[in-house]
Amino acid sequence: MVKDLLVRGFDDEIHSKLGNVAGKMGVSLNSIVKDAVDKWLETNSQITKKHELIMYTDNEALKNLLKSMSRIAQNDDIFNACCGPKDHIGMQFLTKQGWFNGTVEPYQKFLENPNAFGRKILEKIGEKVSKKQLMVLAFLTGDLAEKQSVPKSVHFCQWYDKQNVEGITHCVAHAKDILSANFEDTLHLFDTHDQVFIAKKDSLYKMHVTRENIHKLFLN
């Protein structure tokens, strides 16, 4: 049965522009709107796969970030998990908020063999996931960068990418442990993630790092 759809914020100007486009294409305005809705539903019905890096400037920024994320992630369709050293303030906060702790003990094994340890974490979390969408906040990359090196973090994240894990994984790290490394190593770490963010105070900034052709310096 066909239903009427009321779209709030769909003012006369937008309606007029869409009407002109529809006229030029020889289709109805309703068909354009339906096509847009169909594409949106198709995109958002798929299981998300994202691997992102979030750096924080200090503990205050991290706490503000985690408070906001915990509040938003309280969704019946999301399974919230975290992993990392138990003495990390991020792990302590999230476990108190009821997030599933996917860390395998003894944690020291992670620093000895990150990939093998990471596989056990994926198995532990995979056994518990019972909801449509997985959200993981991982403090492993940051801990590896702090206690060993950013290149070790790069290799671990490259391995993780190959596991093709469904869901959203946020690698969380202290900015000083990442940005104080060799610049090339830092770029490699950025490149292993879909997006890179930095949390400062109560704000989140998205970083855009892309390879460009020199001629763009001469363009508007």
Protein backbone atom coordinates (compact mmCIF):
# COMPACT_ATOMS: atom_id res chain seq x y z
CA MET A 1 0.00 0.00 0.00
CA VAL A 2 1.37 3.43 -0.95
CA LYS A 3 1.80 5.86 1.95
CA ASP A 4 2.23 9.63 1.95
CA LEU A 5 5.60 10.77 3.35
CA LEU A 6 5.96 14.06 5.20
CA VAL A 7 9.54 15.39 5.06
CA ARG A 8 10.24 18.14 7.57
CA GLY A 9 12.56 20.91 6.36
CA PHE A 10 11.56 20.28 2.75
CA ASP A 11 10.90 23.93 1.92
CA ASP A 12 9.56 25.55 -1.27
CA GLU A 13 13.03 26.33 -2.62
CA ILE A 14 14.21 22.72 -2.37
CA HIS A 15 10.90 21.49 -3.78
CA SER A 16 11.26 23.87 -6.74
CA LYS A 17 14.83 22.79 -7.48
CA LEU A 18 13.91 19.12 -7.35
CA GLY A 19 10.90 19.83 -9.56
CA ASN A 20 13.17 21.42 -12.18
CA VAL A 21 15.56 18.47 -12.09
CA ALA A 22 12.68 16.02 -12.37
CA GLY A 23 11.31 17.92 -15.37
CA LYS A 24 14.65 17.84 -17.18
CA MET A 25 15.05 14.12 -16.50
CA GLY A 26 11.49 13.34 -17.52
CA VAL A 27 10.69 11.60 -14.24
CA SER A 28 8.35 12.38 -11.35
CA LEU A 29 9.49 14.14 -8.20
CA ASN A 30 8.26 11.16 -6.17
CA SER A 31 10.52 8.79 -8.10
CA ILE A 32 13.60 10.91 -7.26
CA VAL A 33 12.74 10.93 -3.56
CA LYS A 34 11.98 7.20 -3.56
CA ASP A 35 15.27 6.43 -5.31
CA ALA A 36 17.19 8.47 -2.71
CA VAL A 37 15.39 6.72 0.16
CA ASP A 38 16.00 3.27 -1.39
CA LYS A 39 19.73 3.97 -1.70
CA TRP A 40 19.91 5.25 1.89
CA LEU A 41 18.13 2.14 3.20
CA GLU A 42 20.40 -0.15 1.17
CA THR A 43 23.53 1.54 2.48
CA ASN A 44 22.44 1.59 6.11
CA SER A 45 21.12 -1.97 6.13
CA GLN A 46 24.60 -3.29 5.43
CA ILE A 47 26.94 -4.29 8.26
CA THR A 48 29.44 -1.47 8.79
CA LYS A 49 33.15 -2.20 8.52
CA LYS A 50 35.35 0.62 9.79
CA HIS A 51 38.78 0.74 11.37
CA GLU A 52 39.61 4.18 12.72
CA LEU A 53 42.27 5.87 14.84
CA ILE A 54 41.35 8.26 17.64
CA MET A 55 44.14 10.16 19.40
CA TYR A 56 43.56 12.09 22.61
CA THR A 57 45.63 14.96 23.96
CA ASP A 58 45.23 14.15 27.65
CA ASN A 59 43.15 12.13 30.12
CA GLU A 60 40.52 14.84 30.38
CA ALA A 61 39.92 14.73 26.63
CA LEU A 62 39.74 10.93 26.74
CA LYS A 63 37.17 10.93 29.54
CA ASN A 64 35.00 13.47 27.72
CA LEU A 65 35.20 11.39 24.55
CA LEU A 66 34.33 8.12 26.28
CA LYS A 67 31.41 9.65 28.16
CA SER A 68 29.90 10.87 24.91
CA MET A 69 30.55 7.60 23.08
CA SER A 70 29.07 5.51 25.90
CA ARG A 71 25.96 7.62 25.93
CA ILE A 72 25.47 7.34 22.16
CA ALA A 73 26.35 3.63 22.04
CA GLN A 74 23.54 2.69 24.43
CA ASN A 75 21.60 1.11 21.61
CA ASP A 76 19.88 -2.25 21.53
CA ASP A 77 21.45 -2.99 18.15
CA ILE A 78 25.05 -2.35 19.24
CA PHE A 79 27.34 -4.75 21.10
CA ASN A 80 29.95 -2.66 22.94
CA ALA A 81 33.36 -4.18 23.62
CA CYS A 82 36.76 -2.88 24.70
CA CYS A 83 40.25 -4.31 25.05
CA GLY A 84 43.54 -3.12 26.48
CA PRO A 85 45.60 -3.02 29.68
CA LYS A 86 43.42 -3.14 32.79
CA ASP A 87 45.22 -0.17 34.38
CA HIS A 88 44.31 2.14 31.47
CA ILE A 89 41.75 4.76 32.53
CA GLY A 90 39.82 4.12 29.33
CA MET A 91 39.41 0.44 30.13
CA GLN A 92 38.45 1.20 33.72
CA PHE A 93 35.80 3.68 32.62
CA LEU A 94 34.26 1.49 29.91
CA THR A 95 34.07 -1.68 32.00
CA LYS A 96 32.27 0.30 34.71
CA GLN A 97 29.82 1.39 32.01
CA GLY A 98 29.08 -2.26 31.25
CA TRP A 99 31.18 -2.68 28.09
CA PHE A 100 32.33 -6.23 27.45
CA ASN A 101 36.03 -6.68 28.25
CA GLY A 102 37.51 -8.69 25.40
CA THR A 103 41.06 -8.65 26.78
CA VAL A 104 42.75 -12.02 27.22
CA GLU A 105 45.03 -12.65 30.18
CA PRO A 106 47.91 -12.52 30.73
CA TYR A 107 48.00 -9.19 28.92
CA GLN A 108 51.81 -9.25 28.75
CA LYS A 109 51.44 -11.80 25.95
CA PHE A 110 50.13 -9.01 23.71
CA LEU A 111 53.45 -7.18 23.72
CA GLU A 112 55.27 -10.46 23.01
CA ASN A 113 53.09 -11.50 20.07
CA PRO A 114 50.44 -8.90 19.12
CA ASN A 115 48.91 -10.85 16.22
CA ALA A 116 48.43 -14.12 18.12
CA PHE A 117 47.04 -12.21 21.10
CA GLY A 118 44.77 -10.18 18.83
CA ARG A 119 43.37 -13.38 17.31
CA LYS A 120 42.40 -14.62 20.77
CA ILE A 121 40.65 -11.32 21.50
CA LEU A 122 38.65 -11.60 18.29
CA GLU A 123 37.64 -15.14 19.25
CA LYS A 124 36.60 -14.05 22.75
CA ILE A 125 34.52 -11.14 21.48
CA GLY A 126 33.12 -13.17 18.58
CA GLU A 127 31.71 -15.75 21.00
CA LYS A 128 29.74 -13.07 22.82
CA VAL A 129 28.46 -10.87 19.99
CA SER A 130 24.71 -11.31 19.81
CA LYS A 131 23.63 -8.04 18.21
CA LYS A 132 23.65 -6.66 14.69
CA GLN A 133 26.45 -4.10 15.06
CA LEU A 134 29.80 -4.47 16.84
CA MET A 135 31.57 -1.48 18.38
CA VAL A 136 35.10 -2.00 19.72
CA LEU A 137 37.27 0.54 21.50
CA ALA A 138 40.80 -0.86 21.50
CA PHE A 139 43.69 0.61 23.50
CA LEU A 140 46.12 -1.92 22.04
CA THR A 141 47.59 0.20 19.27
CA GLY A 142 48.32 3.06 21.65
CA ASP A 143 49.86 0.75 24.26
CA LEU A 144 52.06 -0.88 21.64
CA ALA A 145 53.23 2.53 20.40
CA GLU A 146 54.01 3.68 23.95
CA LYS A 147 55.82 0.57 25.17
CA GLN A 148 57.50 -0.50 21.93
CA SER A 149 57.18 1.59 18.75
CA VAL A 150 54.80 3.08 16.20
CA PRO A 151 56.10 0.70 13.48
CA LYS A 152 54.99 -2.21 15.71
CA SER A 153 51.58 -0.55 15.91
CA VAL A 154 51.51 -0.22 12.12
CA HIS A 155 52.24 -3.92 11.62
CA PHE A 156 49.55 -4.89 14.13
CA CYS A 157 46.94 -2.65 12.48
CA GLN A 158 47.86 -3.99 9.04
CA TRP A 159 47.30 -7.51 10.37
CA TYR A 160 43.96 -6.45 11.86
CA ASP A 161 42.81 -5.02 8.53
CA LYS A 162 43.40 -8.40 6.89
CA GLN A 163 41.04 -10.06 9.39
CA ASN A 164 38.14 -8.20 7.74
CA VAL A 165 36.30 -7.76 11.04
CA GLU A 166 32.69 -6.67 10.72
CA GLY A 167 31.73 -3.68 12.83
CA ILE A 168 33.39 -0.46 13.94
CA THR A 169 36.80 -0.59 15.58
CA HIS A 170 38.32 2.53 17.09
CA CYS A 171 42.02 2.30 17.94
CA VAL A 172 42.53 4.77 20.80
CA ALA A 173 45.98 6.20 21.54
CA HIS A 174 47.60 9.09 23.38
CA ALA A 175 48.60 11.71 20.80
CA LYS A 176 52.10 12.10 22.23
CA ASP A 177 52.88 8.42 21.64
CA ILE A 178 51.93 8.70 17.96
CA LEU A 179 52.94 12.22 16.94
CA SER A 180 56.37 12.07 18.59
CA ALA A 181 57.40 9.18 16.35
CA ASN A 182 59.22 9.36 13.03
CA PHE A 183 56.95 11.29 10.65
CA GLU A 184 56.97 8.54 8.03
CA ASP A 185 55.96 5.95 10.63
CA THR A 186 53.12 8.20 11.79
CA LEU A 187 51.87 8.57 8.21
CA HIS A 188 51.96 4.80 7.79
CA LEU A 189 49.83 4.40 10.90
CA PHE A 190 47.35 6.97 9.62
CA ASP A 191 47.24 5.13 6.31
CA THR A 192 46.24 1.84 7.98
CA HIS A 193 43.03 3.45 9.26
CA ASP A 194 39.92 4.56 7.39
CA GLN A 195 39.77 7.86 9.28
CA VAL A 196 41.90 9.66 11.86
CA PHE A 197 40.55 11.84 14.68
CA ILE A 198 42.02 13.75 17.59
CA ALA A 199 40.14 14.53 20.81
CA LYS A 200 41.01 17.75 22.62
CA LYS A 201 39.10 18.96 25.69
CA ASP A 202 35.45 18.28 24.80
CA SER A 203 35.86 18.48 21.01
CA LEU A 204 36.68 15.92 18.33
CA TYR A 205 38.62 16.94 15.22
CA LYS A 206 38.84 14.95 12.01
CA MET A 207 42.26 14.94 10.35
CA HIS A 208 42.55 14.88 6.56
CA VAL A 209 45.80 13.35 5.38
CA THR A 210 45.84 12.56 1.67
CA ARG A 211 48.53 12.25 -0.99
CA GLU A 212 48.21 15.14 -3.46
CA ASN A 213 49.76 16.20 -6.77
CA ILE A 214 51.97 19.30 -6.56
CA HIS A 215 49.84 21.12 -9.14
CA LYS A 216 47.08 21.51 -6.54
CA LEU A 217 49.21 24.19 -4.87
CA PHE A 218 48.42 26.41 -7.84
CA LEU A 219 44.68 25.82 -7.91
CA ASN A 220 41.92 27.58 -5.99
